[in-house]
Amino acid sequence: MSSVIHTLPKVDLCCSLLGALDAETLATVSGENPETAATEIAGLHARMGRSAEGSGDVGSWLAGLDALAARFTRPAQLEAVAYVLGQRLIRDSVVHVELGMDPLRPAIDAGESAAALERGFERACEDSDDALLSWRLCAEARRGDDAEAWSAAFASMRAAVGDRVCSVAVVGDERVQADALISAVQRLGGDLPLLITAGFGGGKRELQAALALRPARVLYGVMLLRDDVACADLRARRVPVVALPSVELRCVLGRPGAPTVLAKLVDAGLFATLASGAPGVFGSTMSGELERTSQALTWRLDQLRTLTARAVEVAFIDPRLRFVVARAVENWRHRPRLTAGSTDDGYGM
């Protein structure tokens, strides 16, 4: 089935910039030998409790990503990451990706970082026969960060790439107090959709506080399964819930069976779909996530098509491209990949 799934035009609603790093790319952009880079990525796996013997350590996972971020000191390094990531997404038939980037990480001016990413993705499309790859930035605000520092970095990011910034997301352990940071997010990103995590810690009180922000989308969603009232509210408002099976498996559940989170979200009547999360660290390509979900849940191709159609529907994407991709998904059966074409709407097949 994997070869069939590979041809499906896909939308990735949550792809972490730092989580997109694999050992080979890390070695290339940091100038260290591949063995050292592989050891560092393996260390990230260990911090997250990748084995089935224990639950993942969210704090250590975030600290591991911070260690990776510290390796980037020049915009050219981020451009190289975007180039490699762009090529991989294109090979996986991903036509739109929403890239999670914390303006405070890496330790490069956020505006310069965003501009470097734009150059890298553009080169990836040019070197792949002008393949179509739409991309947007989700500006992440990690609970516990300094509100003033985040505000300055976010302003620099928006000044550099403007409409490329499609949303803001409050992420991290929900038990961490972040009133000042959330106020800054709401003030500076008030015209952008707000995303929140619901599954990195806390209980019903923390979940209800997060949902009180009236998010446009919920990421992870593990905690929702513990609160019938929250599920009813999101179901009534048709708020999208994005599951990240590989991240949930290592970082939250710490045991096999993470795809069942997605199944339970669907069974609860929520508007659920999935995304890759950390494709470099875990090798969680969109095709791979769909394949594993299909195997774990014995879902048919039509059910995977429905998941993809939902992602297309809620993506922060150009309306013309949304129509083209939705049509391609609906008619999907080994069709040629979407390309940047010379048609009236600018897209071809």
C-alpha atoms as a PDB file:
ATOM      1  CA  MET A   1       0.000   0.000   0.000  1.00  0.00           C
ATOM      2  CA  SER A   2       2.904   2.365   0.698  1.00  0.00           C
ATOM      3  CA  SER A   3       3.568   3.048  -2.985  1.00  0.00           C
ATOM      4  CA  VAL A   4      -0.080   3.997  -3.414  1.00  0.00           C
ATOM      5  CA  ILE A   5      -0.079   6.295  -0.377  1.00  0.00           C
ATOM      6  CA  HIS A   6       3.089   7.961  -1.628  1.00  0.00           C
ATOM      7  CA  THR A   7       1.239   9.306  -4.683  1.00  0.00           C
ATOM      8  CA  LEU A   8      -1.467  10.997  -2.588  1.00  0.00           C
ATOM      9  CA  PRO A   9      -1.041  14.818  -2.581  1.00  0.00           C
ATOM     10  CA  LYS A  10      -0.550  15.720   1.076  1.00  0.00           C
ATOM     11  CA  VAL A  11      -0.745  18.658   3.455  1.00  0.00           C
ATOM     12  CA  ASP A  12       1.444  18.665   6.591  1.00  0.00           C
ATOM     13  CA  LEU A  13      -0.204  20.866   9.221  1.00  0.00           C
ATOM     14  CA  CYS A  14       2.559  20.628  11.838  1.00  0.00           C
ATOM     15  CA  CYS A  15       6.209  20.104  10.947  1.00  0.00           C
ATOM     16  CA  SER A  16       8.774  21.257  13.512  1.00  0.00           C
ATOM     17  CA  LEU A  17      11.771  23.035  11.988  1.00  0.00           C
ATOM     18  CA  LEU A  18      14.215  21.616  14.525  1.00  0.00           C
ATOM     19  CA  GLY A  19      12.389  18.288  14.561  1.00  0.00           C
ATOM     20  CA  ALA A  20      12.990  18.080  10.811  1.00  0.00           C
ATOM     21  CA  LEU A  21      16.705  17.541  11.416  1.00  0.00           C
ATOM     22  CA  ASP A  22      18.092  14.061  10.901  1.00  0.00           C
ATOM     23  CA  ALA A  23      21.689  13.026  11.580  1.00  0.00           C
ATOM     24  CA  GLU A  24      22.841  13.534   7.990  1.00  0.00           C
ATOM     25  CA  THR A  25      21.405  17.039   7.710  1.00  0.00           C
ATOM     26  CA  LEU A  26      22.684  18.006  11.152  1.00  0.00           C
ATOM     27  CA  ALA A  27      26.192  16.886  10.192  1.00  0.00           C
ATOM     28  CA  THR A  28      26.036  18.836   6.932  1.00  0.00           C
ATOM     29  CA  VAL A  29      24.891  22.151   8.385  1.00  0.00           C
ATOM     30  CA  SER A  30      26.913  22.015  11.609  1.00  0.00           C
ATOM     31  CA  GLY A  31      30.164  20.860  10.054  1.00  0.00           C
ATOM     32  CA  GLU A  32      30.625  17.961  12.444  1.00  0.00           C
ATOM     33  CA  ASN A  33      31.258  14.352  11.494  1.00  0.00           C
ATOM     34  CA  PRO A  34      28.239  12.091  10.819  1.00  0.00           C
ATOM     35  CA  GLU A  35      28.981   9.836  13.798  1.00  0.00           C
ATOM     36  CA  THR A  36      28.779  12.743  16.237  1.00  0.00           C
ATOM     37  CA  ALA A  37      25.540  13.976  14.656  1.00  0.00           C
ATOM     38  CA  ALA A  38      24.041  10.487  14.810  1.00  0.00           C
ATOM     39  CA  THR A  39      24.929  10.286  18.504  1.00  0.00           C
ATOM     40  CA  GLU A  40      23.199  13.615  19.127  1.00  0.00           C
ATOM     41  CA  ILE A  41      19.999  12.534  17.376  1.00  0.00           C
ATOM     42  CA  ALA A  42      20.113   9.212  19.262  1.00  0.00           C
ATOM     43  CA  GLY A  43      20.373  11.245  22.460  1.00  0.00           C
ATOM     44  CA  LEU A  44      17.138  13.026  21.544  1.00  0.00           C
ATOM     45  CA  HIS A  45      15.452   9.651  21.139  1.00  0.00           C
ATOM     46  CA  ALA A  46      16.674   8.569  24.547  1.00  0.00           C
ATOM     47  CA  ARG A  47      15.506  11.809  26.200  1.00  0.00           C
ATOM     48  CA  MET A  48      12.023  11.204  24.859  1.00  0.00           C
ATOM     49  CA  GLY A  49      11.782   7.681  26.204  1.00  0.00           C
ATOM     50  CA  ARG A  50      11.580   6.218  22.742  1.00  0.00           C
ATOM     51  CA  SER A  51      11.519   2.646  24.052  1.00  0.00           C
ATOM     52  CA  ALA A  52       8.360   1.069  25.412  1.00  0.00           C
ATOM     53  CA  GLU A  53       9.840   0.926  28.919  1.00  0.00           C
ATOM     54  CA  GLY A  54       8.746   4.330  30.128  1.00  0.00           C
ATOM     55  CA  SER A  55       6.924   7.519  29.305  1.00  0.00           C
ATOM     56  CA  GLY A  56       8.682  10.292  27.455  1.00  0.00           C
ATOM     57  CA  ASP A  57      10.228  13.248  29.258  1.00  0.00           C
ATOM     58  CA  VAL A  58       8.780  16.378  27.677  1.00  0.00           C
ATOM     59  CA  GLY A  59      11.192  18.724  29.440  1.00  0.00           C
ATOM     60  CA  SER A  60      14.197  16.772  28.222  1.00  0.00           C
ATOM     61  CA  TRP A  61      12.780  16.680  24.706  1.00  0.00           C
ATOM     62  CA  LEU A  62      12.480  20.470  24.633  1.00  0.00           C
ATOM     63  CA  ALA A  63      15.953  20.829  26.146  1.00  0.00           C
ATOM     64  CA  GLY A  64      17.282  18.552  23.415  1.00  0.00           C
ATOM     65  CA  LEU A  65      15.740  20.747  20.738  1.00  0.00           C
ATOM     66  CA  ASP A  66      17.303  23.782  22.406  1.00  0.00           C
ATOM     67  CA  ALA A  67      20.693  22.088  22.182  1.00  0.00           C
ATOM     68  CA  LEU A  68      20.157  21.563  18.457  1.00  0.00           C
ATOM     69  CA  ALA A  69      19.063  25.178  18.033  1.00  0.00           C
ATOM     70  CA  ALA A  70      22.270  26.401  19.641  1.00  0.00           C
ATOM     71  CA  ARG A  71      24.250  24.803  16.811  1.00  0.00           C
ATOM     72  CA  PHE A  72      22.847  27.267  14.301  1.00  0.00           C
ATOM     73  CA  THR A  73      24.800  30.499  14.215  1.00  0.00           C
ATOM     74  CA  ARG A  74      24.479  31.520  10.555  1.00  0.00           C
ATOM     75  CA  PRO A  75      21.418  31.997   8.318  1.00  0.00           C
ATOM     76  CA  ALA A  76      23.106  29.890   5.629  1.00  0.00           C
ATOM     77  CA  GLN A  77      22.754  26.868   7.893  1.00  0.00           C
ATOM     78  CA  LEU A  78      18.994  27.323   8.103  1.00  0.00           C
ATOM     79  CA  GLU A  79      18.837  27.808   4.354  1.00  0.00           C
ATOM     80  CA  ALA A  80      20.546  24.424   3.975  1.00  0.00           C
ATOM     81  CA  VAL A  81      18.022  22.811   6.326  1.00  0.00           C
ATOM     82  CA  ALA A  82      15.111  24.288   4.364  1.00  0.00           C
ATOM     83  CA  TYR A  83      16.628  23.082   1.102  1.00  0.00           C
ATOM     84  CA  VAL A  84      16.987  19.482   2.319  1.00  0.00           C
ATOM     85  CA  LEU A  85      13.574  19.503   3.996  1.00  0.00           C
ATOM     86  CA  GLY A  86      11.945  20.993   0.902  1.00  0.00           C
ATOM     87  CA  GLN A  87      13.350  18.287  -1.338  1.00  0.00           C
ATOM     88  CA  ARG A  88      12.181  15.566   1.023  1.00  0.00           C
ATOM     89  CA  LEU A  89       8.684  17.014   1.210  1.00  0.00           C
ATOM     90  CA  ILE A  90       8.489  17.213  -2.565  1.00  0.00           C
ATOM     91  CA  ARG A  91       9.582  13.572  -2.912  1.00  0.00           C
ATOM     92  CA  ASP A  92       6.846  12.621  -0.437  1.00  0.00           C
ATOM     93  CA  SER A  93       4.188  14.405  -2.543  1.00  0.00           C
ATOM     94  CA  VAL A  94       3.613  17.068   0.128  1.00  0.00           C
ATOM     95  CA  VAL A  95       2.268  20.177  -1.579  1.00  0.00           C
ATOM     96  CA  HIS A  96       1.732  22.386   1.481  1.00  0.00           C
ATOM     97  CA  VAL A  97       3.574  22.435   4.816  1.00  0.00           C
ATOM     98  CA  GLU A  98       3.099  24.563   7.932  1.00  0.00           C
ATOM     99  CA  LEU A  99       6.480  24.795   9.595  1.00  0.00           C
ATOM    100  CA  GLY A 100       6.628  25.325  13.338  1.00  0.00           C
ATOM    101  CA  MET A 101       9.378  27.788  14.260  1.00  0.00           C
ATOM    102  CA  ASP A 102      10.056  29.411  17.611  1.00  0.00           C
ATOM    103  CA  PRO A 103      11.280  32.996  16.942  1.00  0.00           C
ATOM    104  CA  LEU A 104      13.688  32.626  19.895  1.00  0.00           C
ATOM    105  CA  ARG A 105      15.260  29.437  18.525  1.00  0.00           C
ATOM    106  CA  PRO A 106      17.706  29.147  16.749  1.00  0.00           C
ATOM    107  CA  ALA A 107      19.850  31.925  18.187  1.00  0.00           C
ATOM    108  CA  ILE A 108      19.768  33.949  14.974  1.00  0.00           C
ATOM    109  CA  ASP A 109      17.679  37.028  14.336  1.00  0.00           C
ATOM    110  CA  ALA A 110      14.175  35.722  13.672  1.00  0.00           C
ATOM    111  CA  GLY A 111      13.796  37.846  10.559  1.00  0.00           C
ATOM    112  CA  GLU A 112      17.068  36.578   9.080  1.00  0.00           C
ATOM    113  CA  SER A 113      16.043  33.011   9.962  1.00  0.00           C
ATOM    114  CA  ALA A 114      12.705  33.293   8.189  1.00  0.00           C
ATOM    115  CA  ALA A 115      14.289  34.866   5.101  1.00  0.00           C
ATOM    116  CA  ALA A 116      16.867  32.046   4.996  1.00  0.00           C
ATOM    117  CA  LEU A 117      14.093  29.453   5.101  1.00  0.00           C
ATOM    118  CA  GLU A 118      12.367  31.157   2.195  1.00  0.00           C
ATOM    119  CA  ARG A 119      15.548  30.988   0.102  1.00  0.00           C
ATOM    120  CA  GLY A 120      16.050  27.324   0.932  1.00  0.00           C
ATOM    121  CA  PHE A 121      12.531  26.278  -0.040  1.00  0.00           C
ATOM    122  CA  GLU A 122      12.705  28.277  -3.258  1.00  0.00           C
ATOM    123  CA  ARG A 123      15.945  26.519  -4.231  1.00  0.00           C
ATOM    124  CA  ALA A 124      14.406  23.127  -3.422  1.00  0.00           C
ATOM    125  CA  CYS A 125      11.523  23.793  -5.812  1.00  0.00           C
ATOM    126  CA  GLU A 126      13.822  25.090  -8.539  1.00  0.00           C
ATOM    127  CA  ASP A 127      16.095  22.038  -8.290  1.00  0.00           C
ATOM    128  CA  SER A 128      13.088  19.696  -8.404  1.00  0.00           C
ATOM    129  CA  ASP A 129      11.850  20.825 -11.823  1.00  0.00           C
ATOM    130  CA  ASP A 130       9.787  23.666 -10.342  1.00  0.00           C
ATOM    131  CA  ALA A 131       7.794  21.275  -8.175  1.00  0.00           C
ATOM    132  CA  LEU A 132       4.952  22.782  -6.213  1.00  0.00           C
ATOM    133  CA  LEU A 133       5.606  23.290  -2.501  1.00  0.00           C
ATOM    134  CA  SER A 134       3.554  25.862  -0.646  1.00  0.00           C
ATOM    135  CA  TRP A 135       4.817  26.678   2.842  1.00  0.00           C
ATOM    136  CA  ARG A 136       3.899  28.873   5.784  1.00  0.00           C
ATOM    137  CA  LEU A 137       5.390  29.573   9.210  1.00  0.00           C
ATOM    138  CA  CYS A 138       3.651  28.950  12.507  1.00  0.00           C
ATOM    139  CA  ALA A 139       5.331  31.154  15.137  1.00  0.00           C
ATOM    140  CA  GLU A 140       5.632  29.098  18.305  1.00  0.00           C
ATOM    141  CA  ALA A 141       5.596  30.616  21.795  1.00  0.00           C
ATOM    142  CA  ARG A 142       6.865  28.133  24.359  1.00  0.00           C
ATOM    143  CA  ARG A 143       5.371  28.344  27.835  1.00  0.00           C
ATOM    144  CA  GLY A 144       8.035  29.657  30.186  1.00  0.00           C
ATOM    145  CA  ASP A 145       9.661  31.966  27.650  1.00  0.00           C
ATOM    146  CA  ASP A 146      10.149  35.665  28.373  1.00  0.00           C
ATOM    147  CA  ALA A 147       7.233  37.594  26.886  1.00  0.00           C
ATOM    148  CA  GLU A 148       9.271  40.681  25.990  1.00  0.00           C
ATOM    149  CA  ALA A 149      11.992  38.703  24.194  1.00  0.00           C
ATOM    150  CA  TRP A 150       9.419  36.669  22.300  1.00  0.00           C
ATOM    151  CA  SER A 151       7.545  39.810  21.234  1.00  0.00           C
ATOM    152  CA  ALA A 152      10.675  41.389  19.756  1.00  0.00           C
ATOM    153  CA  ALA A 153      11.626  38.214  17.896  1.00  0.00           C
ATOM    154  CA  PHE A 154       8.104  37.731  16.572  1.00  0.00           C
ATOM    155  CA  ALA A 155       7.986  41.301  15.273  1.00  0.00           C
ATOM    156  CA  SER A 156      11.266  40.721  13.425  1.00  0.00           C
ATOM    157  CA  MET A 157       9.929  37.534  11.870  1.00  0.00           C
ATOM    158  CA  ARG A 158       6.752  39.180  10.579  1.00  0.00           C
ATOM    159  CA  ALA A 159       8.678  42.168   9.243  1.00  0.00           C
ATOM    160  CA  ALA A 160      10.930  39.839   7.222  1.00  0.00           C
ATOM    161  CA  VAL A 161       8.404  37.468   5.637  1.00  0.00           C
ATOM    162  CA  GLY A 162       5.010  39.050   6.250  1.00  0.00           C
ATOM    163  CA  ASP A 163       2.195  36.794   5.110  1.00  0.00           C
ATOM    164  CA  ARG A 164       4.419  33.725   5.322  1.00  0.00           C
ATOM    165  CA  VAL A 165       3.557  33.772   9.036  1.00  0.00           C
ATOM    166  CA  CYS A 166       0.148  32.093   9.044  1.00  0.00           C
ATOM    167  CA  SER A 167      -0.521  31.410  12.740  1.00  0.00           C
ATOM    168  CA  VAL A 168       0.824  31.506  16.285  1.00  0.00           C
ATOM    169  CA  ALA A 169       0.936  28.521  18.627  1.00  0.00           C
ATOM    170  CA  VAL A 170       1.243  28.347  22.399  1.00  0.00           C
ATOM    171  CA  VAL A 171       3.188  25.129  22.991  1.00  0.00           C
ATOM    172  CA  GLY A 172       4.878  23.191  25.781  1.00  0.00           C
ATOM    173  CA  ASP A 173       3.859  21.816  29.146  1.00  0.00           C
ATOM    174  CA  GLU A 174       0.389  23.157  29.970  1.00  0.00           C
ATOM    175  CA  ARG A 175       1.249  23.183  33.690  1.00  0.00           C
ATOM    176  CA  VAL A 176       3.731  26.046  33.176  1.00  0.00           C
ATOM    177  CA  GLN A 177       2.240  29.462  33.923  1.00  0.00           C
ATOM    178  CA  ALA A 178       2.408  31.689  30.859  1.00  0.00           C
ATOM    179  CA  ASP A 179      -0.062  34.529  31.377  1.00  0.00           C
ATOM    180  CA  ALA A 180       2.322  37.287  30.225  1.00  0.00           C
ATOM    181  CA  LEU A 181       3.450  35.306  27.196  1.00  0.00           C
ATOM    182  CA  ILE A 182      -0.107  34.455  26.167  1.00  0.00           C
ATOM    183  CA  SER A 183      -1.075  38.123  26.488  1.00  0.00           C
ATOM    184  CA  ALA A 184       1.816  39.045  24.196  1.00  0.00           C
ATOM    185  CA  VAL A 185       0.761  36.386  21.687  1.00  0.00           C
ATOM    186  CA  GLN A 186      -2.797  37.667  21.673  1.00  0.00           C
ATOM    187  CA  ARG A 187      -1.692  41.283  21.363  1.00  0.00           C
ATOM    188  CA  LEU A 188       0.890  40.886  18.592  1.00  0.00           C
ATOM    189  CA  GLY A 189      -0.658  37.983  16.740  1.00  0.00           C
ATOM    190  CA  GLY A 190      -4.257  38.971  17.210  1.00  0.00           C
ATOM    191  CA  ASP A 191      -4.928  38.944  13.478  1.00  0.00           C
ATOM    192  CA  LEU A 192      -3.543  35.403  13.149  1.00  0.00           C
ATOM    193  CA  PRO A 193      -5.236  32.101  14.062  1.00  0.00           C
ATOM    194  CA  LEU A 194      -4.213  30.809  17.503  1.00  0.00           C
ATOM    195  CA  LEU A 195      -3.136  27.189  18.000  1.00  0.00           C
ATOM    196  CA  ILE A 196      -2.632  25.430  21.342  1.00  0.00           C
ATOM    197  CA  THR A 197      -1.229  22.120  22.524  1.00  0.00           C
ATOM    198  CA  ALA A 198      -3.348  19.795  24.639  1.00  0.00           C
ATOM    199  CA  GLY A 199      -1.362  16.796  25.706  1.00  0.00           C
ATOM    200  CA  PHE A 200       1.999  17.845  27.112  1.00  0.00           C
ATOM    201  CA  GLY A 201       0.997  17.904  30.782  1.00  0.00           C
ATOM    202  CA  GLY A 202      -1.612  18.975  33.273  1.00  0.00           C
ATOM    203  CA  GLY A 203      -5.181  17.881  33.815  1.00  0.00           C
ATOM    204  CA  LYS A 204      -8.684  19.120  33.151  1.00  0.00           C
ATOM    205  CA  ARG A 205      -8.071  22.528  34.709  1.00  0.00           C
ATOM    206  CA  GLU A 206      -5.109  23.225  32.412  1.00  0.00           C
ATOM    207  CA  LEU A 207      -6.994  21.885  29.420  1.00  0.00           C
ATOM    208  CA  GLN A 208      -9.994  24.101  30.094  1.00  0.00           C
ATOM    209  CA  ALA A 209      -7.724  27.134  30.522  1.00  0.00           C
ATOM    210  CA  ALA A 210      -6.130  26.406  27.150  1.00  0.00           C
ATOM    211  CA  LEU A 211      -9.454  25.935  25.392  1.00  0.00           C
ATOM    212  CA  ALA A 212     -10.739  29.166  26.953  1.00  0.00           C
ATOM    213  CA  LEU A 213      -8.342  30.917  24.552  1.00  0.00           C
ATOM    214  CA  ARG A 214     -10.724  29.794  21.760  1.00  0.00           C
ATOM    215  CA  PRO A 215      -8.008  28.271  19.552  1.00  0.00           C
ATOM    216  CA  ALA A 216      -8.504  27.825  15.830  1.00  0.00           C
ATOM    217  CA  ARG A 217      -6.740  24.456  16.028  1.00  0.00           C
ATOM    218  CA  VAL A 218      -5.602  22.030  18.727  1.00  0.00           C
ATOM    219  CA  LEU A 219      -2.270  20.204  18.390  1.00  0.00           C
ATOM    220  CA  TYR A 220      -1.684  16.706  19.794  1.00  0.00           C
ATOM    221  CA  GLY A 221      -5.072  16.481  21.497  1.00  0.00           C
ATOM    222  CA  VAL A 222      -4.207  13.614  23.858  1.00  0.00           C
ATOM    223  CA  MET A 223      -5.702  15.407  26.861  1.00  0.00           C
ATOM    224  CA  LEU A 224      -9.033  15.848  25.079  1.00  0.00           C
ATOM    225  CA  LEU A 225      -9.751  12.161  25.512  1.00  0.00           C
ATOM    226  CA  ARG A 226      -9.995  12.727  29.279  1.00  0.00           C
ATOM    227  CA  ASP A 227     -12.595  15.497  29.152  1.00  0.00           C
ATOM    228  CA  ASP A 228     -16.034  14.889  27.674  1.00  0.00           C
ATOM    229  CA  VAL A 229     -17.018  18.543  28.098  1.00  0.00           C
ATOM    230  CA  ALA A 230     -13.998  19.717  26.124  1.00  0.00           C
ATOM    231  CA  CYS A 231     -14.723  17.198  23.384  1.00  0.00           C
ATOM    232  CA  ALA A 232     -18.332  18.356  23.173  1.00  0.00           C
ATOM    233  CA  ASP A 233     -17.254  22.002  22.893  1.00  0.00           C
ATOM    234  CA  LEU A 234     -14.722  21.339  20.120  1.00  0.00           C
ATOM    235  CA  ARG A 235     -17.143  19.041  18.326  1.00  0.00           C
ATOM    236  CA  ALA A 236     -19.865  21.695  18.364  1.00  0.00           C
ATOM    237  CA  ARG A 237     -17.481  24.359  17.027  1.00  0.00           C
ATOM    238  CA  ARG A 238     -15.813  21.911  14.609  1.00  0.00           C
ATOM    239  CA  VAL A 239     -12.337  22.892  15.805  1.00  0.00           C
ATOM    240  CA  PRO A 240      -9.655  20.830  14.028  1.00  0.00           C
ATOM    241  CA  VAL A 241      -7.532  18.531  16.191  1.00  0.00           C
ATOM    242  CA  VAL A 242      -4.169  17.516  14.713  1.00  0.00           C
ATOM    243  CA  ALA A 243      -2.682  14.255  15.961  1.00  0.00           C
ATOM    244  CA  LEU A 244       1.061  13.583  15.643  1.00  0.00           C
ATOM    245  CA  PRO A 245       1.319   9.802  16.058  1.00  0.00           C
ATOM    246  CA  SER A 246       5.106   9.500  16.177  1.00  0.00           C
ATOM    247  CA  VAL A 247       5.543  12.409  18.612  1.00  0.00           C
ATOM    248  CA  GLU A 248       2.710  11.148  20.810  1.00  0.00           C
ATOM    249  CA  LEU A 249       4.208   7.672  20.865  1.00  0.00           C
ATOM    250  CA  ARG A 250       7.623   8.808  22.097  1.00  0.00           C
ATOM    251  CA  CYS A 251       6.866  12.014  23.954  1.00  0.00           C
ATOM    252  CA  VAL A 252       3.502  11.480  25.615  1.00  0.00           C
ATOM    253  CA  LEU A 253       2.424   7.863  25.664  1.00  0.00           C
ATOM    254  CA  GLY A 254       5.830   6.224  25.794  1.00  0.00           C
ATOM    255  CA  ARG A 255       4.468   2.931  24.497  1.00  0.00           C
ATOM    256  CA  PRO A 256       3.253   1.392  21.228  1.00  0.00           C
ATOM    257  CA  GLY A 257      -0.209   2.223  19.991  1.00  0.00           C
ATOM    258  CA  ALA A 258      -0.131   5.981  19.469  1.00  0.00           C
ATOM    259  CA  PRO A 259      -2.207   5.775  16.271  1.00  0.00           C
ATOM    260  CA  THR A 260      -5.125   4.754  18.498  1.00  0.00           C
ATOM    261  CA  VAL A 261      -5.167   8.377  19.763  1.00  0.00           C
ATOM    262  CA  LEU A 262      -6.208   9.450  16.296  1.00  0.00           C
ATOM    263  CA  ALA A 263      -8.830   6.703  16.152  1.00  0.00           C
ATOM    264  CA  LYS A 264     -10.274   7.759  19.507  1.00  0.00           C
ATOM    265  CA  LEU A 265     -10.406  11.389  18.405  1.00  0.00           C
ATOM    266  CA  VAL A 266     -12.309  10.333  15.291  1.00  0.00           C
ATOM    267  CA  ASP A 267     -14.589   8.027  17.297  1.00  0.00           C
ATOM    268  CA  ALA A 268     -15.340  10.950  19.624  1.00  0.00           C
ATOM    269  CA  GLY A 269     -16.727  12.834  16.631  1.00  0.00           C
ATOM    270  CA  LEU A 270     -13.923  15.388  16.554  1.00  0.00           C
ATOM    271  CA  PHE A 271     -12.671  16.928  13.329  1.00  0.00           C
ATOM    272  CA  ALA A 272      -9.330  15.129  13.512  1.00  0.00           C
ATOM    273  CA  THR A 273      -6.457  14.683  11.095  1.00  0.00           C
ATOM    274  CA  LEU A 274      -2.709  14.026  11.402  1.00  0.00           C
ATOM    275  CA  ALA A 275       0.677  15.612  10.690  1.00  0.00           C
ATOM    276  CA  SER A 276       4.340  14.599  10.724  1.00  0.00           C
ATOM    277  CA  GLY A 277       5.551  16.583  13.755  1.00  0.00           C
ATOM    278  CA  ALA A 278       9.265  15.743  13.772  1.00  0.00           C
ATOM    279  CA  PRO A 279      10.067  14.101  10.424  1.00  0.00           C
ATOM    280  CA  GLY A 280      13.846  14.218  10.723  1.00  0.00           C
ATOM    281  CA  VAL A 281      14.200  13.012  14.288  1.00  0.00           C
ATOM    282  CA  PHE A 282      11.695  10.190  13.899  1.00  0.00           C
ATOM    283  CA  GLY A 283      11.560   9.630  10.152  1.00  0.00           C
ATOM    284  CA  SER A 284       7.846  10.434  10.375  1.00  0.00           C
ATOM    285  CA  THR A 285       7.058  11.410   6.802  1.00  0.00           C
ATOM    286  CA  MET A 286       3.435  12.032   5.939  1.00  0.00           C
ATOM    287  CA  SER A 287       3.377   8.868   3.827  1.00  0.00           C
ATOM    288  CA  GLY A 288       4.860   6.935   6.740  1.00  0.00           C
ATOM    289  CA  GLU A 289       2.346   8.293   9.240  1.00  0.00           C
ATOM    290  CA  LEU A 290      -0.540   7.424   6.944  1.00  0.00           C
ATOM    291  CA  GLU A 291       0.899   3.971   6.320  1.00  0.00           C
ATOM    292  CA  ARG A 292       1.378   3.211  10.021  1.00  0.00           C
ATOM    293  CA  THR A 293      -2.085   4.527  10.825  1.00  0.00           C
ATOM    294  CA  SER A 294      -3.580   2.334   8.122  1.00  0.00           C
ATOM    295  CA  GLN A 295      -1.796  -0.745   9.439  1.00  0.00           C
ATOM    296  CA  ALA A 296      -2.566  -0.094  13.117  1.00  0.00           C
ATOM    297  CA  LEU A 297      -6.233   0.682  12.557  1.00  0.00           C
ATOM    298  CA  THR A 298      -6.860  -1.421   9.436  1.00  0.00           C
ATOM    299  CA  TRP A 299      -8.146   1.705   7.726  1.00  0.00           C
ATOM    300  CA  ARG A 300      -8.890   1.632   4.019  1.00  0.00           C
ATOM    301  CA  LEU A 301      -7.496   4.047   1.469  1.00  0.00           C
ATOM    302  CA  ASP A 302     -10.754   6.002   1.448  1.00  0.00           C
ATOM    303  CA  GLN A 303     -10.360   6.711   5.170  1.00  0.00           C
ATOM    304  CA  LEU A 304      -6.826   7.980   4.589  1.00  0.00           C
ATOM    305  CA  ARG A 305      -8.169  10.147   1.789  1.00  0.00           C
ATOM    306  CA  THR A 306     -10.703  11.608   4.247  1.00  0.00           C
ATOM    307  CA  LEU A 307      -7.929  12.455   6.731  1.00  0.00           C
ATOM    308  CA  THR A 308      -6.031  14.212   3.959  1.00  0.00           C
ATOM    309  CA  ALA A 309      -9.105  16.069   2.726  1.00  0.00           C
ATOM    310  CA  ARG A 310      -9.670  17.374   6.243  1.00  0.00           C
ATOM    311  CA  ALA A 311      -6.091  18.673   6.389  1.00  0.00           C
ATOM    312  CA  VAL A 312      -6.558  20.420   3.051  1.00  0.00           C
ATOM    313  CA  GLU A 313      -9.802  21.999   4.273  1.00  0.00           C
ATOM    314  CA  VAL A 314      -8.281  23.584   7.392  1.00  0.00           C
ATOM    315  CA  ALA A 315      -4.801  24.435   6.083  1.00  0.00           C
ATOM    316  CA  PHE A 316      -3.702  28.071   6.057  1.00  0.00           C
ATOM    317  CA  ILE A 317      -3.306  28.026   2.314  1.00  0.00           C
ATOM    318  CA  ASP A 318      -3.999  30.133  -0.751  1.00  0.00           C
ATOM    319  CA  PRO A 319      -7.697  29.548  -1.635  1.00  0.00           C
ATOM    320  CA  ARG A 320      -6.883  28.781  -5.269  1.00  0.00           C
ATOM    321  CA  LEU A 321      -4.321  26.189  -4.264  1.00  0.00           C
ATOM    322  CA  ARG A 322      -6.740  24.706  -1.747  1.00  0.00           C
ATOM    323  CA  PHE A 323      -9.219  24.082  -4.556  1.00  0.00           C
ATOM    324  CA  VAL A 324      -6.579  22.471  -6.770  1.00  0.00           C
ATOM    325  CA  VAL A 325      -5.255  20.222  -4.003  1.00  0.00           C
ATOM    326  CA  ALA A 326      -8.741  19.252  -2.832  1.00  0.00           C
ATOM    327  CA  ARG A 327      -9.635  18.267  -6.377  1.00  0.00           C
ATOM    328  CA  ALA A 328      -6.427  16.241  -6.718  1.00  0.00           C
ATOM    329  CA  VAL A 329      -7.108  14.417  -3.440  1.00  0.00           C
ATOM    330  CA  GLU A 330     -10.682  13.668  -4.464  1.00  0.00           C
ATOM    331  CA  ASN A 331      -9.553  12.232  -7.806  1.00  0.00           C
ATOM    332  CA  TRP A 332      -6.461  10.537  -6.388  1.00  0.00           C
ATOM    333  CA  ARG A 333      -5.384   7.275  -7.990  1.00  0.00           C
ATOM    334  CA  HIS A 334      -1.747   7.303  -9.087  1.00  0.00           C
ATOM    335  CA  ARG A 335      -2.110  10.749 -10.611  1.00  0.00           C
ATOM    336  CA  PRO A 336       0.987  12.787 -11.573  1.00  0.00           C
ATOM    337  CA  ARG A 337       2.211  15.062  -8.816  1.00  0.00           C
ATOM    338  CA  LEU A 338       1.075  18.659  -8.634  1.00  0.00           C
ATOM    339  CA  THR A 339       3.505  21.156 -10.095  1.00  0.00           C
ATOM    340  CA  ALA A 340       3.879  24.887 -10.447  1.00  0.00           C
ATOM    341  CA  GLY A 341       2.278  25.231 -13.867  1.00  0.00           C
ATOM    342  CA  SER A 342       1.292  27.854 -16.391  1.00  0.00           C
ATOM    343  CA  THR A 343      -2.464  27.430 -15.965  1.00  0.00           C
ATOM    344  CA  ASP A 344      -4.771  30.301 -15.083  1.00  0.00           C
ATOM    345  CA  ASP A 345      -4.550  29.556 -11.363  1.00  0.00           C
ATOM    346  CA  GLY A 346      -0.769  29.017 -11.491  1.00  0.00           C
ATOM    347  CA  TYR A 347      -0.907  25.338 -10.640  1.00  0.00           C
ATOM    348  CA  GLY A 348      -0.711  22.257 -12.835  1.00  0.00           C
ATOM    349  CA  MET A 349      -0.802  18.479 -12.673  1.00  0.00           C
END
